[in-house]
Amino acid sequence: LLRLRKAAQGDANVLYPMREALAARATVGEVCDALRSTW
């Protein structure tokens, strides 16, 4: 989720860190919260 937030802060593609977070068993809500906290 930290890697996802860092990707969302810049111009990086968030798809790959998002997939990693979901593969680590983060919930969809946690992923959305990570993006929401940045964007």
PDB file of all heavy atoms in Angstrom:
ATOM      1  N   LEU A   1       0.839  -1.213   0.000  1.00  0.00           N
ATOM      2  CA  LEU A   1       0.000   0.000   0.000  1.00  0.00           C
ATOM      3  C   LEU A   1       0.869   1.256   0.000  1.00  0.00           C
ATOM      4  O   LEU A   1       0.512   2.261  -0.632  1.00  0.00           O
ATOM      5  CB  LEU A   1      -0.953  -0.008   1.196  1.00  0.00           C
ATOM      6  CG  LEU A   1      -2.080  -1.040   1.128  1.00  0.00           C
ATOM      7  CD1 LEU A   1      -2.840  -1.102   2.451  1.00  0.00           C
ATOM      8  CD2 LEU A   1      -3.027  -0.740  -0.024  1.00  0.00           C
ATOM      9  N   LEU A   2       2.028   1.213   0.674  1.00  0.00           N
ATOM     10  CA  LEU A   2       2.954   2.344   0.660  1.00  0.00           C
ATOM     11  C   LEU A   2       3.502   2.572  -0.748  1.00  0.00           C
ATOM     12  O   LEU A   2       3.572   3.715  -1.225  1.00  0.00           O
ATOM     13  CB  LEU A   2       4.096   2.094   1.647  1.00  0.00           C
ATOM     14  CG  LEU A   2       5.137   3.209   1.750  1.00  0.00           C
ATOM     15  CD1 LEU A   2       4.487   4.504   2.248  1.00  0.00           C
ATOM     16  CD2 LEU A   2       6.250   2.791   2.690  1.00  0.00           C
ATOM     17  N   ARG A   3       3.874   1.480  -1.442  1.00  0.00           N
ATOM     18  CA  ARG A   3       4.348   1.608  -2.835  1.00  0.00           C
ATOM     19  C   ARG A   3       3.240   2.182  -3.727  1.00  0.00           C
ATOM     20  O   ARG A   3       3.511   2.988  -4.624  1.00  0.00           O
ATOM     21  CB  ARG A   3       4.822   0.259  -3.363  1.00  0.00           C
ATOM     22  CG  ARG A   3       6.176  -0.159  -2.820  1.00  0.00           C
ATOM     23  CD  ARG A   3       6.755  -1.352  -3.573  1.00  0.00           C
ATOM     24  NE  ARG A   3       5.932  -2.547  -3.465  1.00  0.00           N
ATOM     25  CZ  ARG A   3       6.007  -3.425  -2.467  1.00  0.00           C
ATOM     26  NH1 ARG A   3       6.864  -3.240  -1.481  1.00  0.00           N
ATOM     27  NH2 ARG A   3       5.231  -4.483  -2.447  1.00  0.00           N
ATOM     28  N   LEU A   4       2.005   1.791  -3.476  1.00  0.00           N
ATOM     29  CA  LEU A   4       0.885   2.329  -4.248  1.00  0.00           C
ATOM     30  C   LEU A   4       0.741   3.832  -4.011  1.00  0.00           C
ATOM     31  O   LEU A   4       0.563   4.604  -4.953  1.00  0.00           O
ATOM     32  CB  LEU A   4      -0.408   1.594  -3.884  1.00  0.00           C
ATOM     33  CG  LEU A   4      -1.687   2.114  -4.530  1.00  0.00           C
ATOM     34  CD1 LEU A   4      -1.612   2.034  -6.055  1.00  0.00           C
ATOM     35  CD2 LEU A   4      -2.890   1.337  -4.011  1.00  0.00           C
ATOM     36  N   ARG A   5       0.821   4.249  -2.750  1.00  0.00           N
ATOM     37  CA  ARG A   5       0.716   5.691  -2.442  1.00  0.00           C
ATOM     38  C   ARG A   5       1.838   6.476  -3.128  1.00  0.00           C
ATOM     39  O   ARG A   5       1.596   7.560  -3.671  1.00  0.00           O
ATOM     40  CB  ARG A   5       0.776   5.913  -0.931  1.00  0.00           C
ATOM     41  CG  ARG A   5      -0.512   5.658  -0.231  1.00  0.00           C
ATOM     42  CD  ARG A   5      -0.459   6.105   1.237  1.00  0.00           C
ATOM     43  NE  ARG A   5      -1.488   5.421   1.986  1.00  0.00           N
ATOM     44  CZ  ARG A   5      -1.317   4.279   2.649  1.00  0.00           C
ATOM     45  NH1 ARG A   5      -0.144   3.702   2.696  1.00  0.00           N
ATOM     46  NH2 ARG A   5      -2.330   3.719   3.276  1.00  0.00           N
ATOM     47  N   LYS A   6       3.066   5.941  -3.090  1.00  0.00           N
ATOM     48  CA  LYS A   6       4.192   6.627  -3.724  1.00  0.00           C
ATOM     49  C   LYS A   6       3.993   6.749  -5.226  1.00  0.00           C
ATOM     50  O   LYS A   6       4.293   7.776  -5.829  1.00  0.00           O
ATOM     51  CB  LYS A   6       5.500   5.899  -3.406  1.00  0.00           C
ATOM     52  CG  LYS A   6       5.968   6.137  -1.989  1.00  0.00           C
ATOM     53  CD  LYS A   6       7.291   5.452  -1.724  1.00  0.00           C
ATOM     54  CE  LYS A   6       7.736   5.696  -0.296  1.00  0.00           C
ATOM     55  NZ  LYS A   6       9.008   5.027   0.003  1.00  0.00           N
ATOM     56  N   ALA A   7       3.495   5.696  -5.849  1.00  0.00           N
ATOM     57  CA  ALA A   7       3.229   5.744  -7.292  1.00  0.00           C
ATOM     58  C   ALA A   7       2.147   6.769  -7.599  1.00  0.00           C
ATOM     59  O   ALA A   7       2.232   7.494  -8.598  1.00  0.00           O
ATOM     60  CB  ALA A   7       2.816   4.362  -7.795  1.00  0.00           C
ATOM     61  N   ALA A   8       1.140   6.848  -6.743  1.00  0.00           N
ATOM     62  CA  ALA A   8       0.039   7.786  -6.969  1.00  0.00           C
ATOM     63  C   ALA A   8       0.471   9.235  -6.773  1.00  0.00           C
ATOM     64  O   ALA A   8      -0.134  10.145  -7.342  1.00  0.00           O
ATOM     65  CB  ALA A   8      -1.121   7.455  -6.032  1.00  0.00           C
ATOM     66  N   GLN A   9       1.530   9.465  -5.998  1.00  0.00           N
ATOM     67  CA  GLN A   9       2.001  10.831  -5.756  1.00  0.00           C
ATOM     68  C   GLN A   9       2.703  11.418  -6.978  1.00  0.00           C
ATOM     69  O   GLN A   9       2.770  12.624  -7.130  1.00  0.00           O
ATOM     70  CB  GLN A   9       2.945  10.859  -4.557  1.00  0.00           C
ATOM     71  CG  GLN A   9       2.235  10.652  -3.245  1.00  0.00           C
ATOM     72  CD  GLN A   9       3.195  10.450  -2.078  1.00  0.00           C
ATOM     73  OE1 GLN A   9       4.405  10.330  -2.267  1.00  0.00           O
ATOM     74  NE2 GLN A   9       2.635  10.393  -0.889  1.00  0.00           N
ATOM     75  N   GLY A  10       3.231  10.567  -7.830  1.00  0.00           N
ATOM     76  CA  GLY A  10       3.942  11.044  -9.013  1.00  0.00           C
ATOM     77  C   GLY A  10       3.162  10.745 -10.274  1.00  0.00           C
ATOM     78  O   GLY A  10       1.929  10.654 -10.273  1.00  0.00           O
ATOM     79  N   ASP A  11       3.913  10.558 -11.343  1.00  0.00           N
ATOM     80  CA  ASP A  11       3.300  10.260 -12.646  1.00  0.00           C
ATOM     81  C   ASP A  11       3.390   8.776 -12.990  1.00  0.00           C
ATOM     82  O   ASP A  11       3.145   8.389 -14.128  1.00  0.00           O
ATOM     83  CB  ASP A  11       3.982  11.068 -13.752  1.00  0.00           C
ATOM     84  CG  ASP A  11       3.679  12.549 -13.630  1.00  0.00           C
ATOM     85  OD1 ASP A  11       2.631  12.890 -13.056  1.00  0.00           O
ATOM     86  OD2 ASP A  11       4.499  13.365 -14.102  1.00  0.00           O
ATOM     87  N   ALA A  12       3.759   7.952 -12.019  1.00  0.00           N
ATOM     88  CA  ALA A  12       3.940   6.523 -12.281  1.00  0.00           C
ATOM     89  C   ALA A  12       2.587   5.844 -12.525  1.00  0.00           C
ATOM     90  O   ALA A  12       1.538   6.312 -12.082  1.00  0.00           O
ATOM     91  CB  ALA A  12       4.647   5.857 -11.098  1.00  0.00           C
ATOM     92  N   ASN A  13       2.666   4.726 -13.196  1.00  0.00           N
ATOM     93  CA  ASN A  13       1.486   3.903 -13.438  1.00  0.00           C
ATOM     94  C   ASN A  13       1.114   3.212 -12.122  1.00  0.00           C
ATOM     95  O   ASN A  13       1.928   2.509 -11.531  1.00  0.00           O
ATOM     96  CB  ASN A  13       1.820   2.869 -14.515  1.00  0.00           C
ATOM     97  CG  ASN A  13       0.630   2.042 -14.927  1.00  0.00           C
ATOM     98  OD1 ASN A  13      -0.397   2.018 -14.262  1.00  0.00           O
ATOM     99  ND2 ASN A  13       0.767   1.345 -16.041  1.00  0.00           N
ATOM    100  N   VAL A  14      -0.105   3.410 -11.651  1.00  0.00           N
ATOM    101  CA  VAL A  14      -0.519   2.827 -10.366  1.00  0.00           C
ATOM    102  C   VAL A  14      -1.045   1.403 -10.520  1.00  0.00           C
ATOM    103  O   VAL A  14      -1.272   0.730  -9.521  1.00  0.00           O
ATOM    104  CB  VAL A  14      -1.582   3.703  -9.660  1.00  0.00           C
ATOM    105  CG1 VAL A  14      -1.010   5.055  -9.308  1.00  0.00           C
ATOM    106  CG2 VAL A  14      -2.843   3.818 -10.475  1.00  0.00           C
ATOM    107  N   LEU A  15      -1.200   0.925 -11.743  1.00  0.00           N
ATOM    108  CA  LEU A  15      -1.772  -0.402 -11.949  1.00  0.00           C
ATOM    109  C   LEU A  15      -0.915  -1.497 -11.320  1.00  0.00           C
ATOM    110  O   LEU A  15      -1.427  -2.369 -10.616  1.00  0.00           O
ATOM    111  CB  LEU A  15      -1.968  -0.683 -13.441  1.00  0.00           C
ATOM    112  CG  LEU A  15      -2.514  -2.068 -13.773  1.00  0.00           C
ATOM    113  CD1 LEU A  15      -3.912  -2.247 -13.178  1.00  0.00           C
ATOM    114  CD2 LEU A  15      -2.538  -2.297 -15.265  1.00  0.00           C
ATOM    115  N   TYR A  16       0.386  -1.438 -11.536  1.00  0.00           N
ATOM    116  CA  TYR A  16       1.241  -2.516 -11.040  1.00  0.00           C
ATOM    117  C   TYR A  16       1.323  -2.531  -9.511  1.00  0.00           C
ATOM    118  O   TYR A  16       1.176  -3.597  -8.906  1.00  0.00           O
ATOM    119  CB  TYR A  16       2.621  -2.446 -11.696  1.00  0.00           C
ATOM    120  CG  TYR A  16       2.508  -2.611 -13.198  1.00  0.00           C
ATOM    121  CD1 TYR A  16       2.742  -1.546 -14.051  1.00  0.00           C
ATOM    122  CD2 TYR A  16       2.119  -3.826 -13.744  1.00  0.00           C
ATOM    123  CE1 TYR A  16       2.603  -1.692 -15.427  1.00  0.00           C
ATOM    124  CE2 TYR A  16       1.979  -3.982 -15.112  1.00  0.00           C
ATOM    125  CZ  TYR A  16       2.225  -2.909 -15.953  1.00  0.00           C
ATOM    126  OH  TYR A  16       2.076  -3.059 -17.298  1.00  0.00           O
ATOM    127  N   PRO A  17       1.531  -1.388  -8.851  1.00  0.00           N
ATOM    128  CA  PRO A  17       1.509  -1.426  -7.385  1.00  0.00           C
ATOM    129  C   PRO A  17       0.132  -1.801  -6.833  1.00  0.00           C
ATOM    130  O   PRO A  17       0.024  -2.438  -5.783  1.00  0.00           O
ATOM    131  CB  PRO A  17       1.897  -0.014  -6.957  1.00  0.00           C
ATOM    132  CG  PRO A  17       2.362   0.688  -8.155  1.00  0.00           C
ATOM    133  CD  PRO A  17       1.973  -0.102  -9.356  1.00  0.00           C
ATOM    134  N   MET A  18      -0.907  -1.451  -7.546  1.00  0.00           N
ATOM    135  CA  MET A  18      -2.259  -1.832  -7.118  1.00  0.00           C
ATOM    136  C   MET A  18      -2.416  -3.348  -7.184  1.00  0.00           C
ATOM    137  O   MET A  18      -2.949  -3.974  -6.256  1.00  0.00           O
ATOM    138  CB  MET A  18      -3.313  -1.152  -8.003  1.00  0.00           C
ATOM    139  CG  MET A  18      -4.739  -1.373  -7.550  1.00  0.00           C
ATOM    140  SD  MET A  18      -5.982  -0.661  -8.666  1.00  0.00           S
ATOM    141  CE  MET A  18      -5.468   1.019  -8.789  1.00  0.00           C
ATOM    142  N   ARG A  19      -1.947  -3.955  -8.258  1.00  0.00           N
ATOM    143  CA  ARG A  19      -2.014  -5.416  -8.391  1.00  0.00           C
ATOM    144  C   ARG A  19      -1.199  -6.094  -7.299  1.00  0.00           C
ATOM    145  O   ARG A  19      -1.614  -7.112  -6.750  1.00  0.00           O
ATOM    146  CB  ARG A  19      -1.531  -5.838  -9.773  1.00  0.00           C
ATOM    147  CG  ARG A  19      -2.531  -5.472 -10.867  1.00  0.00           C
ATOM    148  CD  ARG A  19      -2.036  -5.820 -12.237  1.00  0.00           C
ATOM    149  NE  ARG A  19      -1.836  -7.274 -12.338  1.00  0.00           N
ATOM    150  CZ  ARG A  19      -1.248  -7.862 -13.359  1.00  0.00           C
ATOM    151  NH1 ARG A  19      -0.786  -7.140 -14.353  1.00  0.00           N
ATOM    152  NH2 ARG A  19      -1.106  -9.165 -13.385  1.00  0.00           N
ATOM    153  N   GLU A  20      -0.039  -5.529  -6.972  1.00  0.00           N
ATOM    154  CA  GLU A  20       0.793  -6.087  -5.905  1.00  0.00           C
ATOM    155  C   GLU A  20       0.077  -6.020  -4.560  1.00  0.00           C
ATOM    156  O   GLU A  20       0.138  -6.965  -3.769  1.00  0.00           O
ATOM    157  CB  GLU A  20       2.123  -5.346  -5.821  1.00  0.00           C
ATOM    158  CG  GLU A  20       3.053  -5.599  -6.989  1.00  0.00           C
ATOM    159  CD  GLU A  20       4.280  -4.706  -6.947  1.00  0.00           C
ATOM    160  OE1 GLU A  20       4.526  -4.043  -5.912  1.00  0.00           O
ATOM    161  OE2 GLU A  20       5.004  -4.662  -7.958  1.00  0.00           O
ATOM    162  N   ALA A  21      -0.568  -4.906  -4.298  1.00  0.00           N
ATOM    163  CA  ALA A  21      -1.295  -4.754  -3.031  1.00  0.00           C
ATOM    164  C   ALA A  21      -2.437  -5.763  -2.943  1.00  0.00           C
ATOM    165  O   ALA A  21      -2.650  -6.391  -1.903  1.00  0.00           O
ATOM    166  CB  ALA A  21      -1.820  -3.327  -2.888  1.00  0.00           C
ATOM    167  N   LEU A  22      -3.159  -5.936  -4.034  1.00  0.00           N
ATOM    168  CA  LEU A  22      -4.258  -6.905  -4.033  1.00  0.00           C
ATOM    169  C   LEU A  22      -3.737  -8.335  -3.916  1.00  0.00           C
ATOM    170  O   LEU A  22      -4.347  -9.166  -3.241  1.00  0.00           O
ATOM    171  CB  LEU A  22      -5.117  -6.729  -5.285  1.00  0.00           C
ATOM    172  CG  LEU A  22      -5.902  -5.411  -5.357  1.00  0.00           C
ATOM    173  CD1 LEU A  22      -6.486  -5.214  -6.745  1.00  0.00           C
ATOM    174  CD2 LEU A  22      -6.975  -5.359  -4.291  1.00  0.00           C
ATOM    175  N   ALA A  23      -2.592  -8.613  -4.540  1.00  0.00           N
ATOM    176  CA  ALA A  23      -1.996  -9.938  -4.432  1.00  0.00           C
ATOM    177  C   ALA A  23      -1.523 -10.215  -3.008  1.00  0.00           C
ATOM    178  O   ALA A  23      -1.533 -11.359  -2.555  1.00  0.00           O
ATOM    179  CB  ALA A  23      -0.838 -10.074  -5.411  1.00  0.00           C
ATOM    180  N   ALA A  24      -1.142  -9.148  -2.283  1.00  0.00           N
ATOM    181  CA  ALA A  24      -0.735  -9.297  -0.878  1.00  0.00           C
ATOM    182  C   ALA A  24      -1.953  -9.407   0.034  1.00  0.00           C
ATOM    183  O   ALA A  24      -1.809  -9.508   1.239  1.00  0.00           O
ATOM    184  CB  ALA A  24       0.143  -8.114  -0.466  1.00  0.00           C
ATOM    185  N   ARG A  25      -3.121  -9.389  -0.543  1.00  0.00           N
ATOM    186  CA  ARG A  25      -4.407  -9.530   0.158  1.00  0.00           C
ATOM    187  C   ARG A  25      -4.898  -8.242   0.802  1.00  0.00           C
ATOM    188  O   ARG A  25      -5.633  -8.271   1.781  1.00  0.00           O
ATOM    189  CB  ARG A  25      -4.382 -10.657   1.184  1.00  0.00           C
ATOM    190  CG  ARG A  25      -4.121 -12.023   0.602  1.00  0.00           C
ATOM    191  CD  ARG A  25      -5.265 -12.412  -0.313  1.00  0.00           C
ATOM    192  NE  ARG A  25      -5.090 -13.779  -0.801  1.00  0.00           N
ATOM    193  CZ  ARG A  25      -5.107 -14.092  -2.085  1.00  0.00           C
ATOM    194  NH1 ARG A  25      -5.284 -13.170  -2.987  1.00  0.00           N
ATOM    195  NH2 ARG A  25      -4.970 -15.329  -2.474  1.00  0.00           N
ATOM    196  N   ALA A  26      -4.513  -7.084   0.244  1.00  0.00           N
ATOM    197  CA  ALA A  26      -5.148  -5.833   0.653  1.00  0.00           C
ATOM    198  C   ALA A  26      -6.574  -5.865   0.126  1.00  0.00           C
ATOM    199  O   ALA A  26      -6.843  -6.453  -0.929  1.00  0.00           O
ATOM    200  CB  ALA A  26      -4.396  -4.633   0.073  1.00  0.00           C
ATOM    201  N   THR A  27      -7.481  -5.269   0.841  1.00  0.00           N
ATOM    202  CA  THR A  27      -8.867  -5.237   0.373  1.00  0.00           C
ATOM    203  C   THR A  27      -9.025  -4.114  -0.652  1.00  0.00           C
ATOM    204  O   THR A  27      -8.205  -3.196  -0.728  1.00  0.00           O
ATOM    205  CB  THR A  27      -9.842  -5.001   1.538  1.00  0.00           C
ATOM    206  OG1 THR A  27      -9.620  -3.698   2.082  1.00  0.00           O
ATOM    207  CG2 THR A  27      -9.687  -6.054   2.624  1.00  0.00           C
ATOM    208  N   VAL A  28     -10.090  -4.178  -1.414  1.00  0.00           N
ATOM    209  CA  VAL A  28     -10.383  -3.122  -2.392  1.00  0.00           C
ATOM    210  C   VAL A  28     -10.570  -1.801  -1.650  1.00  0.00           C
ATOM    211  O   VAL A  28     -10.117  -0.746  -2.107  1.00  0.00           O
ATOM    212  CB  VAL A  28     -11.628  -3.483  -3.230  1.00  0.00           C
ATOM    213  CG1 VAL A  28     -12.044  -2.317  -4.105  1.00  0.00           C
ATOM    214  CG2 VAL A  28     -11.350  -4.712  -4.077  1.00  0.00           C
ATOM    215  N   GLY A  29     -11.194  -1.848  -0.495  1.00  0.00           N
ATOM    216  CA  GLY A  29     -11.383  -0.633   0.305  1.00  0.00           C
ATOM    217  C   GLY A  29     -10.058  -0.026   0.734  1.00  0.00           C
ATOM    218  O   GLY A  29      -9.891   1.198   0.717  1.00  0.00           O
ATOM    219  N   GLU A  30      -9.088  -0.860   1.120  1.00  0.00           N
ATOM    220  CA  GLU A  30      -7.776  -0.351   1.517  1.00  0.00           C
ATOM    221  C   GLU A  30      -7.043   0.263   0.331  1.00  0.00           C
ATOM    222  O   GLU A  30      -6.380   1.298   0.469  1.00  0.00           O
ATOM    223  CB  GLU A  30      -6.944  -1.479   2.137  1.00  0.00           C
ATOM    224  CG  GLU A  30      -7.460  -1.913   3.494  1.00  0.00           C
ATOM    225  CD  GLU A  30      -6.821  -3.190   4.003  1.00  0.00           C
ATOM    226  OE1 GLU A  30      -6.496  -4.082   3.171  1.00  0.00           O
ATOM    227  OE2 GLU A  30      -6.658  -3.292   5.228  1.00  0.00           O
ATOM    228  N   VAL A  31      -7.164  -0.346  -0.837  1.00  0.00           N
ATOM    229  CA  VAL A  31      -6.552   0.202  -2.037  1.00  0.00           C
ATOM    230  C   VAL A  31      -7.181   1.552  -2.375  1.00  0.00           C
ATOM    231  O   VAL A  31      -6.486   2.532  -2.656  1.00  0.00           O
ATOM    232  CB  VAL A  31      -6.674  -0.787  -3.221  1.00  0.00           C
ATOM    233  CG1 VAL A  31      -6.299  -0.126  -4.537  1.00  0.00           C
ATOM    234  CG2 VAL A  31      -5.823  -2.020  -2.967  1.00  0.00           C
ATOM    235  N   CYS A  32      -8.505   1.620  -2.311  1.00  0.00           N
ATOM    236  CA  CYS A  32      -9.192   2.886  -2.595  1.00  0.00           C
ATOM    237  C   CYS A  32      -8.814   3.956  -1.577  1.00  0.00           C
ATOM    238  O   CYS A  32      -8.613   5.122  -1.933  1.00  0.00           O
ATOM    239  CB  CYS A  32     -10.709   2.675  -2.598  1.00  0.00           C
ATOM    240  SG  CYS A  32     -11.292   1.713  -3.985  1.00  0.00           S
ATOM    241  N   ASP A  33      -8.689   3.576  -0.302  1.00  0.00           N
ATOM    242  CA  ASP A  33      -8.284   4.530   0.729  1.00  0.00           C
ATOM    243  C   ASP A  33      -6.874   5.065   0.457  1.00  0.00           C
ATOM    244  O   ASP A  33      -6.605   6.255   0.659  1.00  0.00           O
ATOM    245  CB  ASP A  33      -8.335   3.887   2.114  1.00  0.00           C
ATOM    246  CG  ASP A  33      -9.757   3.694   2.619  1.00  0.00           C
ATOM    247  OD1 ASP A  33     -10.685   4.341   2.083  1.00  0.00           O
ATOM    248  OD2 ASP A  33      -9.935   2.897   3.565  1.00  0.00           O
ATOM    249  N   ALA A  34      -5.973   4.191   0.004  1.00  0.00           N
ATOM    250  CA  ALA A  34      -4.609   4.623  -0.305  1.00  0.00           C
ATOM    251  C   ALA A  34      -4.616   5.656  -1.432  1.00  0.00           C
ATOM    252  O   ALA A  34      -3.921   6.673  -1.359  1.00  0.00           O
ATOM    253  CB  ALA A  34      -3.746   3.422  -0.673  1.00  0.00           C
ATOM    254  N   LEU A  35      -5.401   5.399  -2.463  1.00  0.00           N
ATOM    255  CA  LEU A  35      -5.481   6.352  -3.579  1.00  0.00           C
ATOM    256  C   LEU A  35      -6.188   7.628  -3.153  1.00  0.00           C
ATOM    257  O   LEU A  35      -5.781   8.736  -3.515  1.00  0.00           O
ATOM    258  CB  LEU A  35      -6.193   5.705  -4.768  1.00  0.00           C
ATOM    259  CG  LEU A  35      -5.471   4.527  -5.406  1.00  0.00           C
ATOM    260  CD1 LEU A  35      -6.331   3.878  -6.476  1.00  0.00           C
ATOM    261  CD2 LEU A  35      -4.129   4.966  -5.976  1.00  0.00           C
ATOM    262  N   ARG A  36      -7.246   7.488  -2.371  1.00  0.00           N
ATOM    263  CA  ARG A  36      -8.004   8.641  -1.896  1.00  0.00           C
ATOM    264  C   ARG A  36      -7.136   9.530  -1.008  1.00  0.00           C
ATOM    265  O   ARG A  36      -7.241  10.759  -1.058  1.00  0.00           O
ATOM    266  CB  ARG A  36      -9.240   8.152  -1.142  1.00  0.00           C
ATOM    267  CG  ARG A  36     -10.353   9.145  -1.065  1.00  0.00           C
ATOM    268  CD  ARG A  36     -11.595   8.567  -0.381  1.00  0.00           C
ATOM    269  NE  ARG A  36     -12.191   7.488  -1.150  1.00  0.00           N
ATOM    270  CZ  ARG A  36     -12.326   6.230  -0.732  1.00  0.00           C
ATOM    271  NH1 ARG A  36     -11.932   5.871   0.467  1.00  0.00           N
ATOM    272  NH2 ARG A  36     -12.879   5.322  -1.497  1.00  0.00           N
ATOM    273  N   SER A  37      -6.271   8.924  -0.194  1.00  0.00           N
ATOM    274  CA  SER A  37      -5.419   9.720   0.699  1.00  0.00           C
ATOM    275  C   SER A  37      -4.412  10.544  -0.096  1.00  0.00           C
ATOM    276  O   SER A  37      -3.950  11.583   0.368  1.00  0.00           O
ATOM    277  CB  SER A  37      -4.693   8.812   1.692  1.00  0.00           C
ATOM    278  OG  SER A  37      -3.704   8.044   1.046  1.00  0.00           O
ATOM    279  N   THR A  38      -4.079  10.094  -1.293  1.00  0.00           N
ATOM    280  CA  THR A  38      -3.133  10.820  -2.137  1.00  0.00           C
ATOM    281  C   THR A  38      -3.841  11.783  -3.080  1.00  0.00           C
ATOM    282  O   THR A  38      -3.457  12.939  -3.204  1.00  0.00           O
ATOM    283  CB  THR A  38      -2.294   9.826  -2.972  1.00  0.00           C
ATOM    284  OG1 THR A  38      -1.664   8.914  -2.075  1.00  0.00           O
ATOM    285  CG2 THR A  38      -1.252  10.538  -3.786  1.00  0.00           C
ATOM    286  N   TRP A  39      -4.867  11.318  -3.724  1.00  0.00           N
ATOM    287  CA  TRP A  39      -5.539  12.112  -4.749  1.00  0.00           C
ATOM    288  C   TRP A  39      -6.711  12.923  -4.216  1.00  0.00           C
ATOM    289  O   TRP A  39      -7.173  13.847  -4.885  1.00  0.00           O
ATOM    290  CB  TRP A  39      -6.054  11.214  -5.874  1.00  0.00           C
ATOM    291  CG  TRP A  39      -4.979  10.574  -6.685  1.00  0.00           C
ATOM    292  CD1 TRP A  39      -3.686  10.968  -6.819  1.00  0.00           C
ATOM    293  CD2 TRP A  39      -5.119   9.410  -7.505  1.00  0.00           C
ATOM    294  NE1 TRP A  39      -3.008  10.140  -7.659  1.00  0.00           N
ATOM    295  CE2 TRP A  39      -3.859   9.166  -8.108  1.00  0.00           C
ATOM    296  CE3 TRP A  39      -6.161   8.569  -7.804  1.00  0.00           C
ATOM    297  CZ2 TRP A  39      -3.645   8.121  -8.985  1.00  0.00           C
ATOM    298  CZ3 TRP A  39      -5.957   7.518  -8.664  1.00  0.00           C
ATOM    299  CH2 TRP A  39      -4.702   7.289  -9.253  1.00  0.00           C
TER     300      TRP A  39
END
